[in-house]
Amino acid sequence: MSHFDTELDTSGLNCPLPLLKTKKALLTMNKGERLRMISTDRAAFIDIPVYCEMSEHSLIDTTETENELIFIIEKGTD
């Protein structure tokens, strides 16, 4: 499992809330810190990687379990 500094559990929330809460959490973090985001919304599998591609943040790891998607995102300069 990848190291992370902050955890955000968006389980039970549907699009666009997991992405919006991820953006908000990253705003409070320092460059280089890592966010572990947990989602049960299957749309996050597309939304989070696309957001990271369009921003200065790096998607470090994605893990898919039967019920959850887990993302490790490293804050960039945004």
Protein backbone atom coordinates (compact mmCIF):
# COMPACT_ATOMS: atom_id res chain seq x y z
CA MET A 1 0.00 0.00 0.00
CA SER A 2 1.24 3.47 -0.86
CA HIS A 3 2.02 6.05 1.80
CA PHE A 4 -0.53 8.84 2.28
CA ASP A 5 -0.87 11.94 4.46
CA THR A 6 -4.65 12.48 4.39
CA GLU A 7 -7.57 10.11 3.89
CA LEU A 8 -10.90 11.04 2.34
CA ASP A 9 -13.73 8.48 2.43
CA THR A 10 -16.47 9.35 -0.07
CA SER A 11 -18.21 5.97 0.23
CA GLY A 12 -21.92 6.22 -0.55
CA LEU A 13 -21.59 9.50 -2.44
CA ASN A 14 -22.40 9.69 -6.15
CA CYS A 15 -20.90 11.74 -8.98
CA PRO A 16 -19.92 14.56 -8.85
CA LEU A 17 -19.47 14.62 -5.05
CA PRO A 18 -16.41 12.31 -4.80
CA LEU A 19 -14.53 14.48 -7.32
CA LEU A 20 -15.64 17.76 -5.70
CA LYS A 21 -14.63 16.57 -2.23
CA THR A 22 -11.29 15.37 -3.63
CA LYS A 23 -10.61 18.79 -5.17
CA LYS A 24 -11.52 20.50 -1.87
CA ALA A 25 -9.28 18.16 0.16
CA LEU A 26 -6.33 18.76 -2.17
CA LEU A 27 -6.73 22.53 -1.72
CA THR A 28 -5.95 22.16 1.99
CA MET A 29 -2.84 20.05 1.41
CA ASN A 30 0.79 21.01 0.72
CA LYS A 31 2.65 20.22 -2.49
CA GLY A 32 4.01 16.66 -2.41
CA GLU A 33 1.53 15.39 0.17
CA ARG A 34 -0.59 12.39 -0.75
CA LEU A 35 -4.34 11.93 -0.48
CA ARG A 36 -5.92 8.49 -0.15
CA MET A 37 -9.43 8.77 -1.56
CA ILE A 38 -11.96 5.95 -1.16
CA SER A 39 -15.06 5.82 -3.36
CA THR A 40 -17.92 3.44 -4.00
CA ASP A 41 -19.01 5.44 -7.06
CA ARG A 42 -17.86 3.59 -10.20
CA ALA A 43 -17.74 6.90 -12.12
CA ALA A 44 -14.73 7.88 -9.99
CA PHE A 45 -12.76 5.26 -11.95
CA ILE A 46 -12.97 7.68 -14.90
CA ASP A 47 -13.34 11.04 -13.12
CA ILE A 48 -10.27 10.90 -10.85
CA PRO A 49 -7.69 9.89 -13.51
CA VAL A 50 -9.05 12.49 -15.95
CA TYR A 51 -8.94 15.18 -13.25
CA CYS A 52 -5.34 14.29 -12.40
CA GLU A 53 -4.37 14.44 -16.09
CA MET A 54 -5.93 17.90 -16.39
CA SER A 55 -4.41 19.24 -13.17
CA GLU A 56 -0.93 19.39 -11.65
CA HIS A 57 -1.71 16.43 -9.38
CA SER A 58 -0.29 12.94 -9.93
CA LEU A 59 -2.30 9.74 -9.67
CA ILE A 60 0.16 7.45 -7.87
CA ASP A 61 -1.97 4.34 -7.44
CA THR A 62 -5.45 2.98 -8.09
CA THR A 63 -6.77 -0.10 -6.31
CA GLU A 64 -10.08 -1.72 -7.11
CA THR A 65 -11.79 -4.08 -4.69
CA GLU A 66 -15.22 -5.67 -4.95
CA ASN A 67 -16.88 -2.66 -3.31
CA GLU A 68 -14.38 0.21 -3.41
CA LEU A 69 -12.04 2.22 -5.56
CA ILE A 70 -9.00 3.57 -3.75
CA PHE A 71 -6.87 6.33 -5.25
CA ILE A 72 -3.55 7.74 -4.05
CA ILE A 73 -3.10 11.27 -5.40
CA GLU A 74 -0.01 13.40 -4.90
CA LYS A 75 -0.67 17.11 -4.71
CA GLY A 76 1.05 19.14 -7.39
CA THR A 77 1.24 22.91 -7.71
CA ASP A 78 -2.49 23.54 -8.21
